[in-house]
N, C-alpha and C. Protein backbone atom coordinates (compact mmCIF):
# COMPACT_ATOMS: atom_id res chain seq x y z
N UNK A 1 22.58 -5.24 22.57
CA UNK A 1 22.14 -5.29 21.39
C UNK A 1 22.77 -5.67 20.38
N UNK A 2 24.27 -5.09 20.00
CA UNK A 2 25.48 -5.58 18.93
C UNK A 2 26.04 -6.21 19.07
N UNK A 3 25.80 -7.44 20.11
CA UNK A 3 27.36 -8.53 21.30
C UNK A 3 25.95 -9.57 20.40
N UNK A 4 24.49 -9.58 20.08
CA UNK A 4 23.83 -10.73 19.88
C UNK A 4 23.75 -10.51 18.48
N UNK A 5 23.87 -9.44 17.35
CA UNK A 5 24.01 -9.59 16.32
C UNK A 5 25.21 -9.97 15.64
N UNK A 6 26.56 -9.43 16.38
CA UNK A 6 27.46 -10.57 16.37
C UNK A 6 28.31 -12.03 16.48
N UNK A 7 27.21 -12.23 17.49
CA UNK A 7 27.32 -13.83 17.21
C UNK A 7 25.81 -14.89 17.00
N UNK A 8 25.13 -13.88 15.55
CA UNK A 8 24.66 -14.31 14.62
C UNK A 8 23.34 -14.70 15.60
N UNK A 9 22.77 -14.11 16.37
CA UNK A 9 21.13 -14.70 16.22
C UNK A 9 20.14 -14.88 15.32
N UNK A 10 20.10 -15.52 15.19
CA UNK A 10 19.12 -16.03 14.16
C UNK A 10 18.01 -15.65 14.15
N UNK A 11 17.14 -15.46 14.57
CA UNK A 11 15.36 -15.20 14.65
C UNK A 11 15.90 -13.17 14.51
N UNK A 12 17.25 -12.42 14.92
CA UNK A 12 17.17 -11.31 15.21
C UNK A 12 17.44 -10.36 13.91
N UNK A 13 18.42 -11.40 13.12
CA UNK A 13 18.41 -11.22 11.83
C UNK A 13 17.77 -11.68 11.05
N UNK A 14 16.40 -12.68 11.37
CA UNK A 14 15.14 -12.71 10.35
C UNK A 14 14.57 -11.75 10.40
N UNK A 15 14.18 -11.14 11.76
CA UNK A 15 13.45 -9.79 12.04
C UNK A 15 14.07 -9.17 10.72
N UNK A 16 15.66 -8.26 10.77
CA UNK A 16 16.03 -7.20 10.24
C UNK A 16 15.82 -7.36 9.10
N UNK A 17 15.97 -8.59 8.73
CA UNK A 17 15.83 -9.13 7.48
C UNK A 17 14.33 -8.70 6.45
N UNK A 18 12.66 -9.16 7.45
CA UNK A 18 12.33 -8.55 7.15
C UNK A 18 11.73 -7.08 7.63
N UNK A 19 12.37 -6.45 7.96
CA UNK A 19 12.66 -4.82 8.18
C UNK A 19 13.28 -4.43 7.44
N UNK A 20 14.03 -4.70 6.65
CA UNK A 20 14.59 -4.02 5.75
C UNK A 20 13.70 -4.01 4.30
N UNK A 21 13.32 -5.19 4.13
CA UNK A 21 12.31 -5.75 2.68
C UNK A 21 10.63 -5.12 3.10
N UNK A 22 10.04 -4.88 4.23
CA UNK A 22 8.93 -4.12 4.75
C UNK A 22 9.17 -1.79 4.52
N UNK A 23 10.53 -2.09 4.71
CA UNK A 23 10.52 -1.00 4.58
C UNK A 23 10.54 -0.27 2.77
N UNK A 24 11.03 -1.24 2.15
CA UNK A 24 11.34 -1.22 0.68
C UNK A 24 9.79 -1.18 -0.14
N UNK A 25 9.32 -1.82 0.72
CA UNK A 25 7.79 -1.52 0.19
C UNK A 25 6.77 -0.48 0.53
N UNK A 26 7.56 0.40 1.70
CA UNK A 26 7.08 1.15 2.23
C UNK A 26 6.97 2.26 1.53
N UNK A 27 8.49 2.18 0.68
CA UNK A 27 9.13 3.19 -0.11
C UNK A 27 8.81 3.28 -1.29
N UNK A 28 8.59 2.02 -1.79
CA UNK A 28 8.02 1.95 -3.54
C UNK A 28 6.36 2.61 -3.17
N UNK A 29 5.53 2.04 -2.19
CA UNK A 29 4.17 2.80 -1.91
C UNK A 29 4.06 3.94 -1.32
N UNK A 30 5.11 4.41 -1.22
CA UNK A 30 5.04 5.97 -0.72
C UNK A 30 5.05 6.49 -2.24
N UNK A 31 6.29 6.46 -2.41
CA UNK A 31 6.53 6.92 -4.71
C UNK A 31 5.80 6.82 -4.93
N UNK A 32 5.04 5.98 -4.94
CA UNK A 32 3.62 5.82 -5.74
C UNK A 32 2.57 6.45 -5.81
N UNK A 33 1.91 6.37 -4.37
CA UNK A 33 0.74 7.11 -3.85
C UNK A 33 0.41 8.38 -4.09
N UNK A 34 1.77 8.91 -3.41
CA UNK A 34 2.30 11.13 -3.10
C UNK A 34 2.70 11.14 -3.77
N UNK A 35 3.61 11.08 -4.95
CA UNK A 35 4.66 11.49 -6.32
C UNK A 35 3.72 11.08 -6.99
N UNK A 36 4.24 9.70 -7.83
CA UNK A 36 3.67 8.99 -9.15
C UNK A 36 2.03 9.23 -9.11
N UNK A 37 1.60 9.07 -8.31
CA UNK A 37 0.35 8.96 -8.50
C UNK A 37 -0.70 10.57 -7.35
N UNK A 38 -0.07 11.46 -7.62
CA UNK A 38 0.27 12.54 -6.99
C UNK A 38 -0.61 13.60 -7.19
N UNK A 39 -1.42 13.73 -8.23
CA UNK A 39 -2.68 14.22 -9.03
C UNK A 39 -3.94 14.51 -8.19
N UNK A 40 -4.07 16.11 -8.41
CA UNK A 40 -5.59 15.68 -7.24
C UNK A 40 -6.38 15.75 -8.56
N UNK A 41 -7.04 14.49 -7.75
CA UNK A 41 -8.53 14.21 -8.89
C UNK A 41 -9.15 15.22 -9.46
N UNK A 42 -9.61 15.35 -8.05
CA UNK A 42 -10.48 16.71 -8.32
C UNK A 42 -10.28 18.15 -9.32
N UNK A 43 -8.68 18.75 -9.42
CA UNK A 43 -8.65 19.26 -10.31
C UNK A 43 -8.69 19.14 -11.76
N UNK A 44 -7.91 17.72 -11.57
CA UNK A 44 -8.36 17.23 -12.89
C UNK A 44 -9.84 16.63 -13.54
N UNK A 45 -9.97 16.46 -12.55
CA UNK A 45 -11.60 16.17 -13.30
C UNK A 45 -12.25 17.44 -13.64
N UNK A 46 -11.77 18.28 -12.64
CA UNK A 46 -12.44 19.41 -12.65
C UNK A 46 -12.01 19.76 -14.79
N UNK A 47 -11.03 19.62 -14.83
CA UNK A 47 -10.30 20.02 -16.28
C UNK A 47 -11.71 19.38 -17.17
N UNK A 48 -11.13 17.82 -17.23
CA UNK A 48 -11.72 17.31 -17.62
C UNK A 48 -13.46 17.51 -18.31
N UNK A 49 -13.73 17.84 -17.45
CA UNK A 49 -15.93 18.00 -17.27
C UNK A 49 -15.65 19.18 -17.99
N UNK A 50 -15.17 20.42 -18.06
CA UNK A 50 -14.75 20.76 -18.79
C UNK A 50 -14.79 21.01 -19.99
N UNK A 51 -13.77 20.26 -20.69
CA UNK A 51 -14.09 19.91 -21.99
C UNK A 51 -14.88 19.04 -22.44
N UNK A 52 -15.49 17.97 -21.53
CA UNK A 52 -17.07 17.67 -22.23
C UNK A 52 -17.97 18.35 -21.83
N UNK A 53 -18.05 19.35 -21.49
CA UNK A 53 -19.07 20.94 -21.95
C UNK A 53 -19.08 21.15 -22.89
N UNK A 54 -17.87 21.80 -23.22
CA UNK A 54 -17.41 22.51 -23.87
C UNK A 54 -17.26 20.99 -25.15
N UNK A 55 -18.16 20.39 -25.25
CA UNK A 55 -17.06 19.45 -26.33
C UNK A 55 -16.58 18.88 -26.98
N UNK A 56 -15.08 19.20 -26.04
CA UNK A 56 -14.16 19.01 -26.74
C UNK A 56 -13.76 17.92 -26.57
N UNK A 57 -14.14 16.73 -26.76
CA UNK A 57 -13.88 15.72 -26.84
C UNK A 57 -12.09 15.09 -26.89
N UNK A 58 -11.65 15.32 -27.32
CA UNK A 58 -10.09 15.43 -28.63
C UNK A 58 -9.41 16.02 -27.50
N UNK A 59 -9.75 17.09 -26.19
CA UNK A 59 -9.14 18.09 -25.84
C UNK A 59 -8.61 17.05 -23.97
N UNK A 60 -10.10 16.14 -24.15
CA UNK A 60 -10.13 15.74 -22.97
C UNK A 60 -8.81 14.60 -22.81
N UNK A 61 -9.32 13.84 -23.84
CA UNK A 61 -8.56 12.80 -23.78
C UNK A 61 -6.51 12.80 -24.19
N UNK A 62 -6.97 13.72 -24.51
CA UNK A 62 -5.37 14.58 -24.87
C UNK A 62 -4.95 15.16 -23.42
N UNK A 63 -5.33 15.70 -22.47
CA UNK A 63 -5.26 15.40 -21.28
C UNK A 63 -4.53 14.29 -20.57
N UNK A 64 -6.03 13.39 -20.86
CA UNK A 64 -5.50 12.47 -19.66
C UNK A 64 -4.73 11.42 -20.45
N UNK A 65 -4.34 11.42 -21.87
CA UNK A 65 -3.33 11.00 -22.88
C UNK A 65 -1.47 11.41 -21.65
N UNK A 66 -1.35 13.24 -21.25
CA UNK A 66 -0.51 13.20 -20.67
C UNK A 66 -0.17 13.45 -19.57
N UNK A 67 -0.89 12.61 -18.92
CA UNK A 67 -1.15 12.53 -17.15
C UNK A 67 -1.54 11.02 -16.84
N UNK A 68 -0.49 10.18 -16.77
CA UNK A 68 -0.55 7.71 -16.60
C UNK A 68 -0.93 8.09 -15.59
N UNK A 69 -2.23 8.27 -15.31
CA UNK A 69 -2.54 8.10 -13.24
C UNK A 69 -3.55 7.40 -13.74
N UNK A 70 -4.12 6.29 -12.85
CA UNK A 70 -5.45 5.47 -12.74
C UNK A 70 -6.52 6.08 -13.03
N UNK A 71 -6.92 7.51 -12.57
CA UNK A 71 -8.02 8.04 -12.67
C UNK A 71 -7.79 8.67 -14.15
N UNK A 72 -6.84 9.15 -14.97
CA UNK A 72 -7.49 9.78 -16.14
C UNK A 72 -6.92 8.34 -17.23
N UNK A 73 -6.35 6.75 -16.50
CA UNK A 73 -6.55 5.76 -17.33
C UNK A 73 -8.29 5.71 -17.48
N UNK A 74 -8.93 5.89 -16.50
CA UNK A 74 -10.78 5.42 -16.16
C UNK A 74 -11.58 6.67 -16.76
N UNK A 75 -11.00 7.97 -16.94
CA UNK A 75 -11.86 8.82 -17.51
C UNK A 75 -11.74 8.61 -18.84
N UNK A 76 -10.42 8.17 -19.70
CA UNK A 76 -10.40 8.16 -20.87
C UNK A 76 -10.82 7.09 -21.49
N UNK A 77 -10.96 5.89 -20.85
CA UNK A 77 -12.02 4.70 -21.33
C UNK A 77 -13.69 4.86 -21.79
N UNK A 78 -13.74 6.47 -21.10
CA UNK A 78 -15.56 6.56 -20.98
C UNK A 78 -15.44 7.91 -22.26
N UNK A 79 -14.30 8.53 -22.37
CA UNK A 79 -14.17 9.26 -23.24
C UNK A 79 -14.66 8.54 -24.25
N UNK A 80 -13.51 7.87 -24.32
CA UNK A 80 -13.57 7.19 -25.86
C UNK A 80 -15.04 6.53 -26.23
N UNK A 81 -15.60 5.95 -25.41
CA UNK A 81 -17.53 5.76 -25.53
C UNK A 81 -18.21 7.10 -25.62
N UNK A 82 -17.52 7.81 -25.66
CA UNK A 82 -18.94 9.09 -25.38
C UNK A 82 -20.24 8.93 -25.95
N UNK A 83 -19.55 8.80 -27.18
CA UNK A 83 -21.27 8.23 -28.34
C UNK A 83 -21.63 7.13 -27.76
N UNK A 84 -21.72 6.27 -27.04
CA UNK A 84 -22.31 5.02 -27.07
C UNK A 84 -23.00 5.29 -25.74
N UNK A 85 -23.53 4.33 -26.16
CA UNK A 85 -25.08 3.81 -24.89
C UNK A 85 -24.39 4.09 -23.31
N UNK A 86 -24.93 4.20 -22.90
CA UNK A 86 -24.78 4.35 -21.35
C UNK A 86 -24.16 2.82 -20.78
N UNK A 87 -25.00 2.34 -21.33
CA UNK A 87 -24.43 0.63 -20.49
C UNK A 87 -23.23 0.46 -21.33
N UNK A 88 -22.47 0.89 -22.17
CA UNK A 88 -20.97 0.82 -23.02
C UNK A 88 -20.41 1.41 -22.35
N UNK A 89 -21.18 2.56 -21.82
CA UNK A 89 -19.91 3.99 -21.58
C UNK A 89 -19.53 3.24 -19.98
N UNK A 90 -20.44 2.51 -18.90
CA UNK A 90 -20.79 2.39 -18.22
C UNK A 90 -19.17 0.66 -17.66
N UNK A 91 -20.41 -0.05 -18.75
CA UNK A 91 -19.00 -0.84 -18.78
C UNK A 91 -17.23 -1.16 -18.72
N UNK A 92 -17.19 -0.12 -19.62
CA UNK A 92 -15.73 0.19 -19.95
C UNK A 92 -14.80 1.21 -20.07
N UNK A 93 -16.06 1.81 -18.35
CA UNK A 93 -15.71 2.42 -16.58
C UNK A 93 -15.22 0.88 -15.73
N UNK A 94 -15.79 0.67 -16.04
CA UNK A 94 -15.92 -0.25 -15.29
C UNK A 94 -14.18 -1.64 -15.21
N UNK A 95 -14.23 -1.39 -16.13
CA UNK A 95 -13.79 -2.57 -16.31
C UNK A 95 -12.19 -1.51 -16.68
N UNK A 96 -11.86 -0.77 -16.96
CA UNK A 96 -10.68 0.26 -16.75
C UNK A 96 -10.09 0.42 -15.78
N UNK A 97 -11.56 0.28 -14.59
CA UNK A 97 -11.09 0.45 -13.21
C UNK A 97 -10.18 -0.62 -12.57
N UNK A 98 -11.01 -1.94 -13.17
CA UNK A 98 -10.13 -3.27 -12.49
C UNK A 98 -9.12 -3.69 -12.76
N UNK A 99 -8.41 -3.06 -14.04
CA UNK A 99 -7.68 -3.34 -14.80
C UNK A 99 -6.97 -2.32 -13.66
N UNK A 100 -6.69 -1.23 -13.28
CA UNK A 100 -6.08 -0.15 -12.77
C UNK A 100 -5.97 -0.53 -11.72
N UNK A 101 -6.92 -0.70 -10.71
CA UNK A 101 -6.96 -1.48 -9.15
C UNK A 101 -5.08 -2.45 -8.91
N UNK A 102 -5.10 -2.80 -9.65
CA UNK A 102 -3.26 -4.19 -8.85
C UNK A 102 -2.45 -2.43 -9.20
N UNK A 103 -2.66 -1.51 -9.98
CA UNK A 103 -1.32 -0.81 -9.47
C UNK A 103 -1.33 0.51 -8.19
N UNK A 104 -2.64 -0.04 -7.53
CA UNK A 104 -3.24 1.28 -6.77
C UNK A 104 -2.52 -0.10 -5.58
N UNK A 105 -3.08 -0.64 -5.09
CA UNK A 105 -3.23 -1.44 -4.15
C UNK A 105 -1.69 -2.41 -4.17
N UNK A 106 -1.30 -2.01 -4.80
CA UNK A 106 0.27 -3.55 -5.41
C UNK A 106 1.31 -3.51 -4.03
N UNK A 107 1.47 -4.01 -3.50
CA UNK A 107 1.94 -4.70 -2.48
C UNK A 107 1.70 -4.42 -0.96
N UNK A 108 0.50 -3.69 -0.71
CA UNK A 108 -0.56 -2.50 0.52
C UNK A 108 -0.53 -4.16 1.55
N UNK A 109 -1.29 -5.55 0.78
CA UNK A 109 -1.74 -5.96 1.04
C UNK A 109 -0.78 -6.92 2.05
N UNK A 110 0.24 -6.84 2.26
CA UNK A 110 1.46 -7.49 2.63
C UNK A 110 1.58 -7.07 3.99
N UNK A 111 1.49 -5.85 3.90
CA UNK A 111 2.18 -5.34 5.29
C UNK A 111 1.41 -5.64 6.48
N UNK A 112 -0.02 -5.58 6.90
CA UNK A 112 -0.29 -6.46 7.74
C UNK A 112 0.18 -7.68 7.92
N UNK A 113 0.81 -8.70 6.93
CA UNK A 113 1.26 -10.40 6.96
C UNK A 113 2.60 -10.21 7.62
N UNK A 114 4.03 -9.00 6.88
CA UNK A 114 4.58 -8.62 7.41
C UNK A 114 5.08 -8.35 9.32
N UNK A 115 3.99 -7.55 9.19
CA UNK A 115 3.79 -7.18 10.57
C UNK A 115 3.50 -8.30 11.70
N UNK A 116 2.44 -9.20 11.02
CA UNK A 116 2.46 -10.70 11.94
C UNK A 116 3.28 -11.14 12.16
N UNK A 117 4.01 -11.39 10.97
CA UNK A 117 5.65 -12.38 10.27
C UNK A 117 6.45 -11.50 12.29
N UNK A 118 6.82 -10.27 11.82
CA UNK A 118 7.70 -9.90 12.59
C UNK A 118 7.22 -9.97 14.70
N UNK A 119 6.10 -10.20 14.88
CA UNK A 119 5.44 -10.51 16.17
C UNK A 119 5.67 -11.77 16.54
N UNK A 120 5.32 -12.33 15.41
CA UNK A 120 6.00 -14.12 15.60
C UNK A 120 7.31 -14.43 15.80
N UNK A 121 8.20 -14.01 15.05
CA UNK A 121 9.81 -14.27 15.26
C UNK A 121 9.75 -13.65 16.19
N UNK A 122 9.79 -12.68 16.62
CA UNK A 122 9.86 -11.83 17.85
C UNK A 122 9.69 -12.91 19.21
N UNK A 123 8.13 -13.61 18.93
CA UNK A 123 8.38 -14.45 20.23
C UNK A 123 8.85 -15.81 19.79
N UNK A 124 9.73 -15.91 18.89
CA UNK A 124 10.19 -17.66 18.78
C UNK A 124 11.55 -16.96 19.27
N UNK A 125 12.09 -15.55 18.96
CA UNK A 125 13.65 -15.16 19.23
C UNK A 125 12.85 -15.54 20.77
N UNK A 126 12.30 -15.05 21.28
CA UNK A 126 11.88 -14.31 22.99
C UNK A 126 12.42 -16.57 23.99
N UNK A 127 10.70 -17.47 23.30
CA UNK A 127 11.51 -18.74 23.58
C UNK A 127 13.02 -19.29 23.82
N UNK A 128 13.46 -18.54 22.52
CA UNK A 128 14.73 -19.80 22.43
C UNK A 128 15.15 -18.46 23.94
N UNK A 129 15.32 -17.75 23.57
CA UNK A 129 15.81 -16.87 24.97
C UNK A 129 15.99 -18.02 26.35
N UNK A 130 14.95 -17.63 26.51
CA UNK A 130 14.15 -18.30 27.47
C UNK A 130 14.58 -19.96 27.29
N UNK A 131 14.86 -20.93 26.68
CA UNK A 131 15.52 -22.12 26.78
C UNK A 131 17.43 -21.50 27.14
N UNK A 132 17.57 -20.50 26.05
CA UNK A 132 18.75 -21.23 26.69
C UNK A 132 19.10 -20.49 28.54
N UNK A 133 18.38 -19.54 28.47
CA UNK A 133 19.17 -19.48 30.15
C UNK A 133 18.31 -20.69 30.52
N UNK A 134 17.28 -21.58 30.56
CA UNK A 134 17.12 -22.55 31.10
C UNK A 134 17.85 -23.82 31.17
N UNK A 135 18.67 -23.69 30.30
CA UNK A 135 19.18 -24.70 30.24
C UNK A 135 20.61 -24.72 30.55
N UNK A 136 20.77 -23.37 31.10
CA UNK A 136 21.96 -23.04 31.94
C UNK A 136 21.72 -23.64 33.78
N UNK A 137 20.84 -23.43 34.12
CA UNK A 137 20.62 -23.77 35.02
C UNK A 137 20.84 -25.43 35.68
N UNK A 138 21.22 -25.94 34.92
CA UNK A 138 21.63 -27.52 35.42
C UNK A 138 23.04 -27.49 35.99
N UNK A 139 23.78 -26.32 35.13
CA UNK A 139 24.81 -26.58 34.83
C UNK A 139 25.89 -26.49 36.55
N UNK A 140 27.28 -27.23 36.29
CA UNK A 140 27.95 -27.13 37.96
C UNK A 140 28.57 -26.37 38.04
N UNK A 141 28.85 -25.41 37.30
CA UNK A 141 29.52 -24.31 37.53
C UNK A 141 28.48 -23.09 38.17
N UNK A 142 28.95 -22.03 38.70
CA UNK A 142 27.89 -21.08 39.06
C UNK A 142 28.02 -20.30 37.92
N UNK A 143 29.57 -19.53 37.51
CA UNK A 143 29.64 -19.01 36.99
C UNK A 143 29.19 -19.07 35.15
N UNK A 144 29.02 -19.94 34.98
CA UNK A 144 28.76 -19.99 33.57
C UNK A 144 27.26 -20.17 33.84
N UNK A 145 26.33 -20.98 35.24
CA UNK A 145 25.07 -20.09 34.82
C UNK A 145 24.52 -18.95 35.19
N UNK A 146 25.47 -18.15 35.45
CA UNK A 146 24.95 -16.72 35.35
C UNK A 146 25.25 -15.85 33.99
N UNK A 147 26.13 -16.57 33.47
CA UNK A 147 26.37 -16.53 31.86
C UNK A 147 25.44 -16.78 31.42
N UNK A 148 25.65 -18.10 31.39
CA UNK A 148 24.09 -18.43 29.82
C UNK A 148 23.11 -17.82 30.59
N UNK A 149 22.41 -17.80 32.21
CA UNK A 149 21.02 -17.18 32.33
C UNK A 149 21.23 -15.00 31.93
N UNK A 150 22.01 -14.78 31.95
CA UNK A 150 22.08 -13.38 31.88
C UNK A 150 22.31 -13.43 29.92
N UNK A 151 22.56 -13.88 28.98
CA UNK A 151 23.22 -14.17 28.49
C UNK A 151 20.86 -14.89 27.22
N UNK A 152 20.86 -16.03 28.20
CA UNK A 152 19.95 -15.74 27.35
C UNK A 152 18.56 -14.78 27.91
N UNK A 153 18.81 -14.44 28.62
CA UNK A 153 17.61 -12.99 29.41
C UNK A 153 18.05 -12.54 28.48
N UNK A 154 18.81 -11.58 27.43
CA UNK A 154 19.68 -10.54 27.05
C UNK A 154 18.04 -10.88 25.70
N UNK A 155 18.78 -12.59 24.72
CA UNK A 155 17.93 -12.90 23.55
C UNK A 155 16.84 -12.83 23.64
N UNK A 156 16.44 -13.02 25.43
CA UNK A 156 14.45 -13.13 24.37
C UNK A 156 14.11 -11.52 25.10
N UNK A 157 14.46 -10.41 25.72
CA UNK A 157 13.91 -9.28 25.55
C UNK A 157 14.18 -8.28 24.15
N UNK A 158 15.93 -8.30 24.11
CA UNK A 158 16.02 -7.72 22.47
C UNK A 158 15.10 -8.94 21.44
N UNK A 159 15.18 -10.11 21.43
CA UNK A 159 14.38 -10.30 20.74
C UNK A 159 12.31 -9.85 20.58
N UNK A 160 12.05 -9.66 21.36
CA UNK A 160 10.44 -9.14 21.81
C UNK A 160 10.42 -7.82 21.20
N UNK A 161 11.45 -7.30 21.68
CA UNK A 161 11.67 -5.94 21.33
C UNK A 161 11.88 -5.36 20.21
N UNK A 162 12.48 -6.38 19.45
CA UNK A 162 13.27 -5.48 17.87
C UNK A 162 11.83 -6.14 17.24
N UNK A 163 10.99 -7.47 17.93
CA UNK A 163 10.03 -7.48 16.39
C UNK A 163 8.77 -6.91 17.41
N UNK A 164 8.58 -6.70 17.64
CA UNK A 164 7.18 -5.71 18.50
C UNK A 164 7.32 -4.18 17.58
N UNK A 165 8.80 -3.90 18.17
CA UNK A 165 9.25 -2.79 17.43
C UNK A 165 8.95 -2.42 15.22
N UNK A 166 9.48 -3.53 14.92
CA UNK A 166 8.79 -3.63 13.51
C UNK A 166 7.77 -3.92 13.07
N UNK A 167 7.14 -4.37 14.07
CA UNK A 167 5.96 -4.43 13.11
C UNK A 167 4.76 -3.66 13.63
N UNK A 168 4.88 -2.49 14.90
CA UNK A 168 4.77 -1.35 15.35
C UNK A 168 4.78 -0.53 14.13
N UNK A 169 5.64 -0.99 13.63
CA UNK A 169 6.18 0.46 12.92
C UNK A 169 5.73 0.42 11.04
N UNK A 170 5.63 -1.28 10.50
CA UNK A 170 4.83 -1.83 9.76
C UNK A 170 2.80 -1.02 9.65
N UNK A 171 2.86 -1.30 11.22
CA UNK A 171 1.74 -1.13 11.33
C UNK A 171 1.31 0.22 10.89
N UNK A 172 1.47 0.82 11.26
CA UNK A 172 2.07 2.75 11.37
C UNK A 172 1.62 3.37 10.24
N UNK A 173 2.71 2.71 9.15
CA UNK A 173 2.57 3.15 7.79
C UNK A 173 2.04 2.49 6.76
N UNK A 174 1.67 1.13 7.47
CA UNK A 174 0.12 0.37 6.69
C UNK A 174 -1.03 1.87 6.75
N UNK A 175 -1.70 1.93 7.45
CA UNK A 175 -2.60 2.36 8.22
C UNK A 175 -2.03 4.11 6.73
N UNK A 176 -1.02 4.42 7.20
CA UNK A 176 -1.18 5.58 6.31
C UNK A 176 -1.03 5.35 4.85
N UNK A 177 -0.78 4.48 4.66
CA UNK A 177 -0.86 4.13 2.98
C UNK A 177 -2.22 3.35 2.44
N UNK A 178 -2.90 3.01 3.56
CA UNK A 178 -3.71 2.69 3.50
C UNK A 178 -4.94 4.33 3.22
N UNK A 179 -4.74 4.69 4.05
CA UNK A 179 -5.78 6.27 3.68
C UNK A 179 -5.49 6.77 2.72
N UNK A 180 -4.20 6.59 2.04
CA UNK A 180 -3.88 8.08 0.57
C UNK A 180 -4.29 6.68 0.05
N UNK A 181 -4.28 4.98 -0.18
CA UNK A 181 -4.68 4.34 -1.11
C UNK A 181 -6.35 4.93 -1.67
N UNK A 182 -7.15 4.93 0.31
CA UNK A 182 -8.83 4.53 0.30
C UNK A 182 -8.80 5.85 -0.49
N UNK A 183 -8.81 7.54 -0.15
CA UNK A 183 -8.48 8.47 -1.17
C UNK A 183 -8.49 8.63 -3.28
N UNK A 184 -7.59 7.83 -3.09
CA UNK A 184 -7.17 7.71 -4.42
C UNK A 184 -8.24 6.94 -4.99
N UNK A 185 -9.07 5.70 -4.33
CA UNK A 185 -9.87 5.55 -5.27
C UNK A 185 -10.84 5.84 -5.02
N UNK A 186 -11.27 6.52 -4.12
CA UNK A 186 -12.97 7.16 -3.73
C UNK A 186 -12.62 7.92 -4.58
N UNK A 187 -11.60 8.87 -4.29
CA UNK A 187 -11.65 10.00 -6.47
C UNK A 187 -11.85 9.40 -7.50
N UNK A 188 -11.36 8.31 -7.80
CA UNK A 188 -12.00 7.95 -8.74
C UNK A 188 -12.94 7.11 -9.13
N UNK A 189 -14.08 7.43 -7.79
CA UNK A 189 -14.82 6.09 -8.17
C UNK A 189 -16.04 7.16 -7.87
N UNK A 190 -16.05 8.37 -7.66
CA UNK A 190 -16.89 9.61 -7.50
C UNK A 190 -16.14 10.48 -8.96
N UNK A 191 -14.95 10.47 -9.63
CA UNK A 191 -14.64 10.90 -10.52
C UNK A 191 -15.54 10.44 -11.95
N UNK A 192 -15.39 9.47 -12.04
CA UNK A 192 -15.82 8.13 -13.11
C UNK A 192 -17.63 8.41 -12.93
N UNK A 193 -17.87 8.33 -11.85
CA UNK A 193 -19.25 9.06 -11.76
C UNK A 193 -20.03 9.81 -12.61
N UNK A 194 -19.16 10.79 -12.01
CA UNK A 194 -19.21 11.69 -12.27
C UNK A 194 -20.09 12.47 -13.75
N UNK A 195 -18.29 12.35 -14.22
CA UNK A 195 -17.71 12.37 -15.30
C UNK A 195 -19.24 11.20 -16.37
N UNK A 196 -19.61 10.01 -16.40
CA UNK A 196 -20.84 9.56 -16.86
C UNK A 196 -21.62 10.52 -17.28
N UNK A 197 -21.89 10.71 -16.04
CA UNK A 197 -23.27 11.78 -15.73
C UNK A 197 -23.39 12.78 -17.04
N UNK A 198 -22.39 13.54 -16.68
CA UNK A 198 -21.99 14.00 -17.20
C UNK A 198 -22.10 14.13 -19.09
N UNK A 199 -21.08 12.92 -19.47
CA UNK A 199 -21.79 12.72 -20.87
C UNK A 199 -23.09 12.33 -21.41
N UNK A 200 -23.56 11.48 -20.44
CA UNK A 200 -25.05 11.26 -20.98
C UNK A 200 -25.50 12.46 -20.62
N UNK A 201 -25.41 13.29 -19.79
CA UNK A 201 -26.47 14.83 -20.23
C UNK A 201 -25.41 15.41 -21.77
N UNK A 202 -24.42 15.65 -21.40
CA UNK A 202 -24.37 15.60 -22.97
C UNK A 202 -24.49 15.20 -24.60
N UNK A 203 -25.01 13.66 -24.76
CA UNK A 203 -25.24 12.49 -25.49
C UNK A 203 -27.26 13.48 -25.61
N UNK A 204 -27.63 13.55 -24.29
CA UNK A 204 -29.48 13.83 -24.41
C UNK A 204 -29.64 15.06 -24.95
N UNK A 205 -28.80 16.24 -24.77
CA UNK A 205 -28.72 17.51 -25.10
C UNK A 205 -28.28 17.93 -26.98
N UNK A 206 -27.17 17.24 -27.21
CA UNK A 206 -26.90 17.15 -28.45
C UNK A 206 -28.52 16.77 -29.20
N UNK A 207 -28.73 15.49 -29.22
CA UNK A 207 -30.72 14.44 -29.47
C UNK A 207 -31.00 15.99 -29.67
N UNK A 208 -31.41 16.57 -28.24
CA UNK A 208 -32.23 17.47 -28.24
C UNK A 208 -32.52 18.38 -29.22
N UNK A 209 -30.83 18.82 -30.12
CA UNK A 209 -30.77 19.85 -30.91
C UNK A 209 -30.79 19.66 -31.91
N UNK A 210 -30.81 18.03 -32.36
CA UNK A 210 -30.73 17.77 -33.81
C UNK A 210 -32.39 17.27 -34.08
């Protein structure tokens, strides 16, 4: 394979470049979903709900401000309209969730496409190798024919191997990232629904007390 790299095999280099780009995207997604957005949504919801039940909306908002996270943005949108109508609260939550979705999903959708491109680049490289092999069959010198046949087969097999390896690796990381992403979105949806219900219950209690 080192000989092919030294020879400047174009589709192998293209797949290596694609693998480097995919690796950068995977690292960015892992850094965001596991570290930047690594706060437990359930624990955060429990804290916010505790403040809401005690009527400490300001402390709940302060908690959300101290932790930049898609979930806290959605919670804050509901808390800032805690004394509004149910329709206004739910509308604010929906708008906040829509604005945060790109942050959560950023780049993930490109990974399956990059996996497909890696497979296709490997396939094109395989065909190129077969063309090299068959073009050498018509040569007069047996040594040259053998050399071209050997080189063509190497080009074909290494392109296939590298293309499929890159494709499988990207898909494996994509499935891992997608699972984490869906978990975060589920926490956001469930937490927002719980918080809105609690705000409405608190509103009713305050009206009854008044």
